[in-house]
């Protein structure tokens, strides 16, 4: 039996896990991500978390066949370089080599975090058996991962920053009208707060205890389910924005499956059923929608670890 270490590097936390050949997680551990440090210092912190995960599984790093890591940013998978990550404060960082050096030369394969999550769903989750799959993760921003014939596309697929609204809302990337600015969880929260300020009578105020800071991605859906008119309008508009972006992805790639991830996907069919209807109306031809299954992500917070371990397995097997 071979074992792999998968690392999910985020701006807030480093999570690592030991995964077997069947993508079963044997152990996990995590630690805060050091803030705005140089690449070598960050690699040392990541290596420590990886070693702790191995020890927790009753293994040494010498018994780990390979290491994979998903990281935010503009990633060159082939060279193992993070060209730019604003969340980590890194530019042109040889991230894979730095981590390998800290782990005694252990092979390390680096991937973009959205692509790594998409790969996890492809090998062990909702996209199993597909030839073309797209994963859309709704979080602080929008991560889009594309898997075609078992491979991701490295630095491509920044679908969160395709423009869906000409001269629209300003996005954190510096441009205006991005998909992310309208359909991320952050965008939904902002849209809910704006609607509440316009409608002081809305039940949404009661749901968040009268505190705008307590509005989250679940709040408008709870309000919709309770029949609140303001919440119904907010959710309907949000689903339209989400459908615009997903329809564009389907038109471009004609995937077998679109997997929706992130906290909002906890709404399940309450999200998917109306979304499917909107996408069916918006795509170039109804057959595009009929041939594309839409599903909720199955792996949750484990996707980053499982996908990264899958990358390590690819590297070890020379795939």
C-alpha atoms as a PDB file:
ATOM      1  CA  UNK A   1       0.000   0.000   0.000  1.00  0.00           C
ATOM      2  CA  UNK A   2       1.313   3.443  -0.939  1.00  0.00           C
ATOM      3  CA  UNK A   3       0.521   6.594   1.002  1.00  0.00           C
ATOM      4  CA  UNK A   4       0.393  10.206  -0.160  1.00  0.00           C
ATOM      5  CA  UNK A   5       0.336  13.533   1.630  1.00  0.00           C
ATOM      6  CA  UNK A   6      -2.191  16.103   0.433  1.00  0.00           C
ATOM      7  CA  UNK A   7      -1.829  19.722   1.520  1.00  0.00           C
ATOM      8  CA  UNK A   8      -4.542  22.376   1.251  1.00  0.00           C
ATOM      9  CA  UNK A   9      -2.838  25.751   1.615  1.00  0.00           C
ATOM     10  CA  UNK A  10      -5.124  28.687   2.295  1.00  0.00           C
ATOM     11  CA  UNK A  11      -4.663  32.266   3.306  1.00  0.00           C
ATOM     12  CA  UNK A  12      -5.879  31.436   6.816  1.00  0.00           C
ATOM     13  CA  UNK A  13      -4.946  27.794   7.454  1.00  0.00           C
ATOM     14  CA  UNK A  14      -2.638  25.032   6.267  1.00  0.00           C
ATOM     15  CA  UNK A  15      -4.394  21.640   6.282  1.00  0.00           C
ATOM     16  CA  UNK A  16      -2.575  18.383   5.566  1.00  0.00           C
ATOM     17  CA  UNK A  17      -3.711  14.799   5.413  1.00  0.00           C
ATOM     18  CA  UNK A  18      -2.361  11.332   4.689  1.00  0.00           C
ATOM     19  CA  UNK A  19      -4.331   9.501   2.001  1.00  0.00           C
ATOM     20  CA  UNK A  20      -4.079   5.926   0.783  1.00  0.00           C
ATOM     21  CA  UNK A  21      -4.292   4.591  -2.786  1.00  0.00           C
ATOM     22  CA  UNK A  22      -8.102   4.472  -2.608  1.00  0.00           C
ATOM     23  CA  UNK A  23      -8.261   8.149  -1.562  1.00  0.00           C
ATOM     24  CA  UNK A  24      -9.245   7.328   2.011  1.00  0.00           C
ATOM     25  CA  UNK A  25      -7.991   9.889   4.520  1.00  0.00           C
ATOM     26  CA  UNK A  26      -6.010   8.295   7.359  1.00  0.00           C
ATOM     27  CA  UNK A  27      -5.207  11.441   9.318  1.00  0.00           C
ATOM     28  CA  UNK A  28      -5.444  15.214   9.130  1.00  0.00           C
ATOM     29  CA  UNK A  29      -3.914  18.140  10.936  1.00  0.00           C
ATOM     30  CA  UNK A  30      -3.828  21.910  10.481  1.00  0.00           C
ATOM     31  CA  UNK A  31      -2.145  25.103  11.613  1.00  0.00           C
ATOM     32  CA  UNK A  32      -2.515  28.831  10.941  1.00  0.00           C
ATOM     33  CA  UNK A  33      -0.841  30.090   7.768  1.00  0.00           C
ATOM     34  CA  UNK A  34       2.032  32.472   8.568  1.00  0.00           C
ATOM     35  CA  UNK A  35       1.156  35.950   7.348  1.00  0.00           C
ATOM     36  CA  UNK A  36       3.178  37.601   4.585  1.00  0.00           C
ATOM     37  CA  UNK A  37       6.411  35.651   5.053  1.00  0.00           C
ATOM     38  CA  UNK A  38       8.931  34.697   2.386  1.00  0.00           C
ATOM     39  CA  UNK A  39       8.508  31.475   0.419  1.00  0.00           C
ATOM     40  CA  UNK A  40      11.107  29.461   2.320  1.00  0.00           C
ATOM     41  CA  UNK A  41       9.654  30.371   5.709  1.00  0.00           C
ATOM     42  CA  UNK A  42       6.199  29.403   4.484  1.00  0.00           C
ATOM     43  CA  UNK A  43       7.520  26.100   3.106  1.00  0.00           C
ATOM     44  CA  UNK A  44       9.052  25.254   6.480  1.00  0.00           C
ATOM     45  CA  UNK A  45       5.705  25.844   8.192  1.00  0.00           C
ATOM     46  CA  UNK A  46       3.909  23.666   5.612  1.00  0.00           C
ATOM     47  CA  UNK A  47       6.482  20.889   6.003  1.00  0.00           C
ATOM     48  CA  UNK A  48       5.917  20.850   9.760  1.00  0.00           C
ATOM     49  CA  UNK A  49       2.156  20.342   9.279  1.00  0.00           C
ATOM     50  CA  UNK A  50       2.807  17.561   6.737  1.00  0.00           C
ATOM     51  CA  UNK A  51       5.171  15.776   9.137  1.00  0.00           C
ATOM     52  CA  UNK A  52       2.592  16.034  11.929  1.00  0.00           C
ATOM     53  CA  UNK A  53      -0.051  14.486   9.671  1.00  0.00           C
ATOM     54  CA  UNK A  54       2.274  11.597   8.851  1.00  0.00           C
ATOM     55  CA  UNK A  55       3.063  11.008  12.534  1.00  0.00           C
ATOM     56  CA  UNK A  56      -0.633  11.084  13.388  1.00  0.00           C
ATOM     57  CA  UNK A  57      -1.150   8.297  10.810  1.00  0.00           C
ATOM     58  CA  UNK A  58       1.657   6.265  12.412  1.00  0.00           C
ATOM     59  CA  UNK A  59       4.005   6.895   9.477  1.00  0.00           C
ATOM     60  CA  UNK A  60       7.222   8.781   8.810  1.00  0.00           C
ATOM     61  CA  UNK A  61       7.708  11.045   5.811  1.00  0.00           C
ATOM     62  CA  UNK A  62      10.091   8.404   4.466  1.00  0.00           C
ATOM     63  CA  UNK A  63       7.047   6.120   4.083  1.00  0.00           C
ATOM     64  CA  UNK A  64       5.108   8.751   2.107  1.00  0.00           C
ATOM     65  CA  UNK A  65       5.426   8.167  -1.649  1.00  0.00           C
ATOM     66  CA  UNK A  66       4.786  11.763  -2.674  1.00  0.00           C
ATOM     67  CA  UNK A  67       3.325  15.103  -1.688  1.00  0.00           C
ATOM     68  CA  UNK A  68       0.753  17.242  -3.474  1.00  0.00           C
ATOM     69  CA  UNK A  69      -0.357  20.752  -2.617  1.00  0.00           C
ATOM     70  CA  UNK A  70      -3.185  23.025  -3.697  1.00  0.00           C
ATOM     71  CA  UNK A  71      -2.471  26.733  -3.279  1.00  0.00           C
ATOM     72  CA  UNK A  72      -4.272  29.952  -4.144  1.00  0.00           C
ATOM     73  CA  UNK A  73      -2.820  32.007  -6.942  1.00  0.00           C
ATOM     74  CA  UNK A  74      -1.521  31.950 -10.483  1.00  0.00           C
ATOM     75  CA  UNK A  75       0.086  28.515 -10.476  1.00  0.00           C
ATOM     76  CA  UNK A  76       2.441  26.917 -13.004  1.00  0.00           C
ATOM     77  CA  UNK A  77       1.915  23.228 -12.293  1.00  0.00           C
ATOM     78  CA  UNK A  78       4.664  21.999 -14.616  1.00  0.00           C
ATOM     79  CA  UNK A  79       7.358  24.160 -13.015  1.00  0.00           C
ATOM     80  CA  UNK A  80       5.909  24.132  -9.496  1.00  0.00           C
ATOM     81  CA  UNK A  81       5.916  27.934  -9.344  1.00  0.00           C
ATOM     82  CA  UNK A  82       3.357  30.262  -7.779  1.00  0.00           C
ATOM     83  CA  UNK A  83       3.620  33.290 -10.075  1.00  0.00           C
ATOM     84  CA  UNK A  84       1.375  35.427  -7.913  1.00  0.00           C
ATOM     85  CA  UNK A  85      -0.760  35.004  -4.812  1.00  0.00           C
ATOM     86  CA  UNK A  86      -2.088  38.184  -3.263  1.00  0.00           C
ATOM     87  CA  UNK A  87      -3.490  36.259  -0.271  1.00  0.00           C
ATOM     88  CA  UNK A  88      -0.039  34.865   0.523  1.00  0.00           C
ATOM     89  CA  UNK A  89       2.032  37.860  -0.543  1.00  0.00           C
ATOM     90  CA  UNK A  90       4.112  35.758  -2.944  1.00  0.00           C
ATOM     91  CA  UNK A  91       5.465  36.495  -6.410  1.00  0.00           C
ATOM     92  CA  UNK A  92       7.419  34.042  -8.593  1.00  0.00           C
ATOM     93  CA  UNK A  93       7.838  31.645  -5.684  1.00  0.00           C
ATOM     94  CA  UNK A  94       9.280  28.166  -6.467  1.00  0.00           C
ATOM     95  CA  UNK A  95       6.812  26.694  -4.013  1.00  0.00           C
ATOM     96  CA  UNK A  96       7.156  23.013  -4.954  1.00  0.00           C
ATOM     97  CA  UNK A  97      10.955  23.093  -4.782  1.00  0.00           C
ATOM     98  CA  UNK A  98      10.961  24.974  -1.479  1.00  0.00           C
ATOM     99  CA  UNK A  99       8.673  22.385   0.104  1.00  0.00           C
ATOM    100  CA  UNK A 100      10.628  19.483  -1.385  1.00  0.00           C
ATOM    101  CA  UNK A 101      13.826  20.922   0.127  1.00  0.00           C
ATOM    102  CA  UNK A 102      12.145  21.076   3.540  1.00  0.00           C
ATOM    103  CA  UNK A 103      11.021  17.453   3.208  1.00  0.00           C
ATOM    104  CA  UNK A 104      14.403  15.986   2.308  1.00  0.00           C
ATOM    105  CA  UNK A 105      13.862  15.950  -1.457  1.00  0.00           C
ATOM    106  CA  UNK A 106      10.412  14.325  -1.380  1.00  0.00           C
ATOM    107  CA  UNK A 107       8.664  14.825  -4.771  1.00  0.00           C
ATOM    108  CA  UNK A 108       6.060  17.622  -4.611  1.00  0.00           C
ATOM    109  CA  UNK A 109       3.447  18.513  -7.228  1.00  0.00           C
ATOM    110  CA  UNK A 110       1.759  21.922  -6.986  1.00  0.00           C
ATOM    111  CA  UNK A 111      -1.688  22.876  -8.290  1.00  0.00           C
ATOM    112  CA  UNK A 112      -4.149  25.742  -8.139  1.00  0.00           C
ATOM    113  CA  UNK A 113      -6.531  25.187  -5.230  1.00  0.00           C
ATOM    114  CA  UNK A 114      -9.704  25.388  -7.356  1.00  0.00           C
ATOM    115  CA  UNK A 115      -8.335  22.886  -9.872  1.00  0.00           C
ATOM    116  CA  UNK A 116      -7.220  20.603  -7.049  1.00  0.00           C
ATOM    117  CA  UNK A 117     -10.747  20.603  -5.562  1.00  0.00           C
ATOM    118  CA  UNK A 118     -12.178  19.866  -9.015  1.00  0.00           C
ATOM    119  CA  UNK A 119      -9.733  17.002  -9.432  1.00  0.00           C
ATOM    120  CA  UNK A 120     -10.801  15.575  -6.068  1.00  0.00           C
ATOM    121  CA  UNK A 121     -14.439  15.509  -7.146  1.00  0.00           C
ATOM    122  CA  UNK A 122     -13.333  13.854 -10.407  1.00  0.00           C
ATOM    123  CA  UNK A 123     -11.390  11.037  -8.753  1.00  0.00           C
ATOM    124  CA  UNK A 124     -13.501  10.482  -5.631  1.00  0.00           C
ATOM    125  CA  UNK A 125     -16.617  12.650  -5.625  1.00  0.00           C
ATOM    126  CA  UNK A 126     -19.543  13.997  -7.606  1.00  0.00           C
ATOM    127  CA  UNK A 127     -17.728  14.036 -10.977  1.00  0.00           C
ATOM    128  CA  UNK A 128     -16.567  10.404 -10.932  1.00  0.00           C
ATOM    129  CA  UNK A 129     -16.826   8.771 -14.356  1.00  0.00           C
ATOM    130  CA  UNK A 130     -17.045  12.042 -16.295  1.00  0.00           C
ATOM    131  CA  UNK A 131     -14.798  13.010 -19.198  1.00  0.00           C
ATOM    132  CA  UNK A 132     -15.245  16.756 -18.839  1.00  0.00           C
ATOM    133  CA  UNK A 133     -16.141  18.295 -15.507  1.00  0.00           C
ATOM    134  CA  UNK A 134     -16.289  21.817 -14.124  1.00  0.00           C
ATOM    135  CA  UNK A 135     -16.331  22.678 -10.442  1.00  0.00           C
ATOM    136  CA  UNK A 136     -17.584  26.075  -9.282  1.00  0.00           C
ATOM    137  CA  UNK A 137     -16.753  26.843  -5.645  1.00  0.00           C
ATOM    138  CA  UNK A 138     -18.791  29.659  -4.102  1.00  0.00           C
ATOM    139  CA  UNK A 139     -16.817  31.195  -1.261  1.00  0.00           C
ATOM    140  CA  UNK A 140     -15.124  34.503  -0.511  1.00  0.00           C
ATOM    141  CA  UNK A 141     -14.579  34.554  -4.269  1.00  0.00           C
ATOM    142  CA  UNK A 142     -15.434  32.054  -6.982  1.00  0.00           C
ATOM    143  CA  UNK A 143     -13.023  29.271  -7.809  1.00  0.00           C
ATOM    144  CA  UNK A 144     -13.462  27.420 -11.090  1.00  0.00           C
ATOM    145  CA  UNK A 145     -11.660  24.165 -11.835  1.00  0.00           C
ATOM    146  CA  UNK A 146     -11.816  22.332 -15.168  1.00  0.00           C
ATOM    147  CA  UNK A 147     -10.918  18.667 -15.613  1.00  0.00           C
ATOM    148  CA  UNK A 148     -10.734  17.196 -19.121  1.00  0.00           C
ATOM    149  CA  UNK A 149      -9.741  13.565 -19.607  1.00  0.00           C
ATOM    150  CA  UNK A 150      -8.323  13.417 -16.096  1.00  0.00           C
ATOM    151  CA  UNK A 151      -6.113  16.520 -16.319  1.00  0.00           C
ATOM    152  CA  UNK A 152      -6.511  20.063 -15.095  1.00  0.00           C
ATOM    153  CA  UNK A 153      -5.293  23.076 -16.976  1.00  0.00           C
ATOM    154  CA  UNK A 154      -2.769  24.633 -14.671  1.00  0.00           C
ATOM    155  CA  UNK A 155      -3.023  28.391 -14.842  1.00  0.00           C
ATOM    156  CA  UNK A 156      -6.243  28.455 -16.885  1.00  0.00           C
ATOM    157  CA  UNK A 157      -9.892  28.444 -15.806  1.00  0.00           C
ATOM    158  CA  UNK A 158     -10.040  31.700 -13.816  1.00  0.00           C
ATOM    159  CA  UNK A 159     -13.773  31.617 -14.449  1.00  0.00           C
ATOM    160  CA  UNK A 160     -14.545  33.756 -11.437  1.00  0.00           C
ATOM    161  CA  UNK A 161     -13.136  36.705 -13.350  1.00  0.00           C
ATOM    162  CA  UNK A 162     -15.047  36.410 -16.604  1.00  0.00           C
ATOM    163  CA  UNK A 163     -17.216  39.491 -17.017  1.00  0.00           C
ATOM    164  CA  UNK A 164     -20.969  38.913 -16.809  1.00  0.00           C
ATOM    165  CA  UNK A 165     -22.048  42.546 -16.310  1.00  0.00           C
ATOM    166  CA  UNK A 166     -20.579  45.346 -18.458  1.00  0.00           C
ATOM    167  CA  UNK A 167     -19.209  48.146 -16.272  1.00  0.00           C
ATOM    168  CA  UNK A 168     -20.646  46.347 -13.265  1.00  0.00           C
ATOM    169  CA  UNK A 169     -19.595  45.988  -9.655  1.00  0.00           C
ATOM    170  CA  UNK A 170     -15.915  46.406  -8.892  1.00  0.00           C
ATOM    171  CA  UNK A 171     -14.075  43.136  -8.243  1.00  0.00           C
ATOM    172  CA  UNK A 172     -11.098  42.489  -5.979  1.00  0.00           C
ATOM    173  CA  UNK A 173      -9.075  41.602  -9.092  1.00  0.00           C
ATOM    174  CA  UNK A 174      -9.232  45.272 -10.131  1.00  0.00           C
ATOM    175  CA  UNK A 175     -11.745  44.867 -12.963  1.00  0.00           C
ATOM    176  CA  UNK A 176     -15.493  45.446 -13.069  1.00  0.00           C
ATOM    177  CA  UNK A 177     -18.459  43.140 -13.599  1.00  0.00           C
ATOM    178  CA  UNK A 178     -16.781  39.818 -12.798  1.00  0.00           C
ATOM    179  CA  UNK A 179     -18.791  36.654 -12.100  1.00  0.00           C
ATOM    180  CA  UNK A 180     -17.203  36.628  -8.635  1.00  0.00           C
ATOM    181  CA  UNK A 181     -18.487  40.134  -7.870  1.00  0.00           C
ATOM    182  CA  UNK A 182     -22.067  38.945  -8.401  1.00  0.00           C
ATOM    183  CA  UNK A 183     -22.261  35.248  -7.506  1.00  0.00           C
ATOM    184  CA  UNK A 184     -19.730  34.511  -4.759  1.00  0.00           C
ATOM    185  CA  UNK A 185     -20.903  33.994  -1.181  1.00  0.00           C
ATOM    186  CA  UNK A 186     -19.440  37.416  -0.402  1.00  0.00           C
ATOM    187  CA  UNK A 187     -21.526  38.941  -3.190  1.00  0.00           C
ATOM    188  CA  UNK A 188     -24.706  37.289  -1.877  1.00  0.00           C
ATOM    189  CA  UNK A 189     -24.029  38.625   1.609  1.00  0.00           C
ATOM    190  CA  UNK A 190     -23.470  42.141   0.235  1.00  0.00           C
ATOM    191  CA  UNK A 191     -26.643  41.950  -1.870  1.00  0.00           C
ATOM    192  CA  UNK A 192     -28.618  40.818   1.180  1.00  0.00           C
ATOM    193  CA  UNK A 193     -27.336  43.662   3.331  1.00  0.00           C
ATOM    194  CA  UNK A 194     -28.104  46.229   0.639  1.00  0.00           C
ATOM    195  CA  UNK A 195     -31.663  44.909   0.306  1.00  0.00           C
ATOM    196  CA  UNK A 196     -32.145  44.996   4.079  1.00  0.00           C
ATOM    197  CA  UNK A 197     -31.102  48.625   4.224  1.00  0.00           C
ATOM    198  CA  UNK A 198     -33.729  49.395   1.574  1.00  0.00           C
ATOM    199  CA  UNK A 199     -36.411  47.348   3.360  1.00  0.00           C
ATOM    200  CA  UNK A 200     -36.417  47.874   7.092  1.00  0.00           C
ATOM    201  CA  UNK A 201     -39.600  45.798   7.391  1.00  0.00           C
ATOM    202  CA  UNK A 202     -37.924  42.648   6.078  1.00  0.00           C
ATOM    203  CA  UNK A 203     -37.863  39.487   8.184  1.00  0.00           C
ATOM    204  CA  UNK A 204     -34.164  39.305   7.349  1.00  0.00           C
ATOM    205  CA  UNK A 205     -33.497  41.760  10.168  1.00  0.00           C
ATOM    206  CA  UNK A 206     -35.023  39.361  12.666  1.00  0.00           C
ATOM    207  CA  UNK A 207     -33.062  36.422  11.233  1.00  0.00           C
ATOM    208  CA  UNK A 208     -29.753  38.166  11.873  1.00  0.00           C
ATOM    209  CA  UNK A 209     -30.743  39.649  15.229  1.00  0.00           C
ATOM    210  CA  UNK A 210     -30.804  43.152  13.799  1.00  0.00           C
ATOM    211  CA  UNK A 211     -27.055  43.006  13.168  1.00  0.00           C
ATOM    212  CA  UNK A 212     -25.906  43.368   9.548  1.00  0.00           C
ATOM    213  CA  UNK A 213     -22.533  41.875  10.447  1.00  0.00           C
ATOM    214  CA  UNK A 214     -24.263  38.567  11.235  1.00  0.00           C
ATOM    215  CA  UNK A 215     -25.715  38.135   7.738  1.00  0.00           C
ATOM    216  CA  UNK A 216     -24.245  35.048   6.052  1.00  0.00           C
ATOM    217  CA  UNK A 217     -24.874  33.050   2.906  1.00  0.00           C
ATOM    218  CA  UNK A 218     -27.666  31.081   4.610  1.00  0.00           C
ATOM    219  CA  UNK A 219     -29.632  34.139   5.778  1.00  0.00           C
ATOM    220  CA  UNK A 220     -31.390  35.033   2.495  1.00  0.00           C
ATOM    221  CA  UNK A 221     -32.320  31.386   1.832  1.00  0.00           C
ATOM    222  CA  UNK A 222     -33.831  31.130   5.323  1.00  0.00           C
ATOM    223  CA  UNK A 223     -35.778  34.314   4.622  1.00  0.00           C
ATOM    224  CA  UNK A 224     -36.969  32.984   1.275  1.00  0.00           C
ATOM    225  CA  UNK A 225     -38.160  29.745   2.891  1.00  0.00           C
ATOM    226  CA  UNK A 226     -40.094  31.818   5.454  1.00  0.00           C
ATOM    227  CA  UNK A 227     -41.839  33.713   2.641  1.00  0.00           C
ATOM    228  CA  UNK A 228     -40.122  37.080   3.114  1.00  0.00           C
ATOM    229  CA  UNK A 229     -40.558  39.109  -0.098  1.00  0.00           C
ATOM    230  CA  UNK A 230     -37.191  40.884   0.169  1.00  0.00           C
ATOM    231  CA  UNK A 231     -35.370  37.571   0.612  1.00  0.00           C
ATOM    232  CA  UNK A 232     -37.282  36.005  -2.287  1.00  0.00           C
ATOM    233  CA  UNK A 233     -36.137  38.823  -4.567  1.00  0.00           C
ATOM    234  CA  UNK A 234     -32.517  38.659  -3.341  1.00  0.00           C
ATOM    235  CA  UNK A 235     -32.247  34.900  -3.863  1.00  0.00           C
ATOM    236  CA  UNK A 236     -33.951  35.037  -7.267  1.00  0.00           C
ATOM    237  CA  UNK A 237     -31.545  37.712  -8.478  1.00  0.00           C
ATOM    238  CA  UNK A 238     -28.544  35.863  -7.057  1.00  0.00           C
ATOM    239  CA  UNK A 239     -29.559  32.646  -8.815  1.00  0.00           C
ATOM    240  CA  UNK A 240     -29.782  34.566 -12.092  1.00  0.00           C
ATOM    241  CA  UNK A 241     -26.242  35.861 -11.664  1.00  0.00           C
ATOM    242  CA  UNK A 242     -25.017  32.365 -10.810  1.00  0.00           C
ATOM    243  CA  UNK A 243     -26.834  30.916 -13.825  1.00  0.00           C
ATOM    244  CA  UNK A 244     -25.254  33.487 -16.167  1.00  0.00           C
ATOM    245  CA  UNK A 245     -21.777  32.392 -15.183  1.00  0.00           C
ATOM    246  CA  UNK A 246     -22.502  28.668 -15.234  1.00  0.00           C
ATOM    247  CA  UNK A 247     -24.222  28.976 -18.622  1.00  0.00           C
ATOM    248  CA  UNK A 248     -21.128  30.658 -20.032  1.00  0.00           C
ATOM    249  CA  UNK A 249     -18.968  27.815 -18.758  1.00  0.00           C
ATOM    250  CA  UNK A 250     -21.305  25.224 -20.268  1.00  0.00           C
ATOM    251  CA  UNK A 251     -21.368  27.069 -23.605  1.00  0.00           C
ATOM    252  CA  UNK A 252     -17.564  27.135 -23.705  1.00  0.00           C
ATOM    253  CA  UNK A 253     -16.765  23.635 -22.465  1.00  0.00           C
ATOM    254  CA  UNK A 254     -19.917  21.474 -22.827  1.00  0.00           C
ATOM    255  CA  UNK A 255     -19.050  19.505 -19.671  1.00  0.00           C
ATOM    256  CA  UNK A 256     -20.667  16.254 -18.576  1.00  0.00           C
ATOM    257  CA  UNK A 257     -21.122  17.635 -15.076  1.00  0.00           C
ATOM    258  CA  UNK A 258     -20.955  20.943 -13.224  1.00  0.00           C
ATOM    259  CA  UNK A 259     -20.214  20.475  -9.527  1.00  0.00           C
ATOM    260  CA  UNK A 260     -21.181  23.263  -7.123  1.00  0.00           C
ATOM    261  CA  UNK A 261     -19.089  23.616  -3.975  1.00  0.00           C
ATOM    262  CA  UNK A 262     -18.768  26.032  -1.073  1.00  0.00           C
ATOM    263  CA  UNK A 263     -20.997  26.744   1.902  1.00  0.00           C
ATOM    264  CA  UNK A 264     -23.976  27.811  -0.204  1.00  0.00           C
ATOM    265  CA  UNK A 265     -24.220  24.317  -1.693  1.00  0.00           C
ATOM    266  CA  UNK A 266     -25.602  23.180   1.680  1.00  0.00           C
ATOM    267  CA  UNK A 267     -28.942  24.384   0.257  1.00  0.00           C
ATOM    268  CA  UNK A 268     -28.926  21.251  -1.907  1.00  0.00           C
ATOM    269  CA  UNK A 269     -31.924  20.942  -4.216  1.00  0.00           C
ATOM    270  CA  UNK A 270     -33.283  24.280  -2.973  1.00  0.00           C
ATOM    271  CA  UNK A 271     -30.350  25.754  -4.870  1.00  0.00           C
ATOM    272  CA  UNK A 272     -30.049  23.282  -7.733  1.00  0.00           C
ATOM    273  CA  UNK A 273     -33.664  22.951  -8.848  1.00  0.00           C
ATOM    274  CA  UNK A 274     -34.258  26.630  -9.728  1.00  0.00           C
ATOM    275  CA  UNK A 275     -30.668  26.945 -10.957  1.00  0.00           C
ATOM    276  CA  UNK A 276     -31.133  24.093 -13.440  1.00  0.00           C
ATOM    277  CA  UNK A 277     -34.218  25.798 -14.843  1.00  0.00           C
ATOM    278  CA  UNK A 278     -32.419  29.106 -15.343  1.00  0.00           C
ATOM    279  CA  UNK A 279     -29.379  27.479 -16.932  1.00  0.00           C
ATOM    280  CA  UNK A 280     -31.622  25.528 -19.303  1.00  0.00           C
ATOM    281  CA  UNK A 281     -33.066  28.850 -20.519  1.00  0.00           C
ATOM    282  CA  UNK A 282     -29.710  30.619 -20.836  1.00  0.00           C
ATOM    283  CA  UNK A 283     -27.416  28.131 -22.590  1.00  0.00           C
ATOM    284  CA  UNK A 284     -26.837  28.282 -26.331  1.00  0.00           C
ATOM    285  CA  UNK A 285     -29.002  25.211 -26.951  1.00  0.00           C
ATOM    286  CA  UNK A 286     -31.201  23.228 -24.531  1.00  0.00           C
ATOM    287  CA  UNK A 287     -29.257  20.064 -25.368  1.00  0.00           C
ATOM    288  CA  UNK A 288     -26.207  21.600 -23.695  1.00  0.00           C
ATOM    289  CA  UNK A 289     -28.121  21.727 -20.414  1.00  0.00           C
ATOM    290  CA  UNK A 290     -29.761  18.331 -20.894  1.00  0.00           C
ATOM    291  CA  UNK A 291     -26.389  16.663 -21.460  1.00  0.00           C
ATOM    292  CA  UNK A 292     -24.822  18.378 -18.446  1.00  0.00           C
ATOM    293  CA  UNK A 293     -25.589  17.049 -14.992  1.00  0.00           C
ATOM    294  CA  UNK A 294     -25.473  19.565 -12.155  1.00  0.00           C
ATOM    295  CA  UNK A 295     -24.501  18.208  -8.749  1.00  0.00           C
ATOM    296  CA  UNK A 296     -23.523  19.290  -5.260  1.00  0.00           C
ATOM    297  CA  UNK A 297     -19.905  18.620  -4.269  1.00  0.00           C
ATOM    298  CA  UNK A 298     -19.558  15.462  -2.165  1.00  0.00           C
ATOM    299  CA  UNK A 299     -16.171  15.892  -0.483  1.00  0.00           C
ATOM    300  CA  UNK A 300     -16.649  19.168   1.369  1.00  0.00           C
ATOM    301  CA  UNK A 301     -13.593  20.408   3.255  1.00  0.00           C
ATOM    302  CA  UNK A 302     -11.706  17.199   2.404  1.00  0.00           C
ATOM    303  CA  UNK A 303     -11.568  18.039  -1.318  1.00  0.00           C
ATOM    304  CA  UNK A 304      -8.342  20.032  -1.074  1.00  0.00           C
ATOM    305  CA  UNK A 305      -6.489  17.242   0.733  1.00  0.00           C
ATOM    306  CA  UNK A 306      -7.831  14.431  -1.462  1.00  0.00           C
ATOM    307  CA  UNK A 307      -7.192  16.327  -4.690  1.00  0.00           C
ATOM    308  CA  UNK A 308      -3.663  17.267  -3.658  1.00  0.00           C
ATOM    309  CA  UNK A 309      -2.932  13.650  -2.710  1.00  0.00           C
ATOM    310  CA  UNK A 310      -4.254  12.680  -6.132  1.00  0.00           C
ATOM    311  CA  UNK A 311      -1.757  15.068  -7.734  1.00  0.00           C
ATOM    312  CA  UNK A 312       1.025  13.403  -5.721  1.00  0.00           C
ATOM    313  CA  UNK A 313      -0.089   9.992  -6.906  1.00  0.00           C
ATOM    314  CA  UNK A 314      -0.086  11.264 -10.519  1.00  0.00           C
ATOM    315  CA  UNK A 315       3.483  12.492 -10.108  1.00  0.00           C
ATOM    316  CA  UNK A 316       4.721   9.271  -8.551  1.00  0.00           C
ATOM    317  CA  UNK A 317       3.109   7.134 -11.254  1.00  0.00           C
ATOM    318  CA  UNK A 318       4.372   9.456 -13.992  1.00  0.00           C
ATOM    319  CA  UNK A 319       0.920  10.431 -15.181  1.00  0.00           C
END
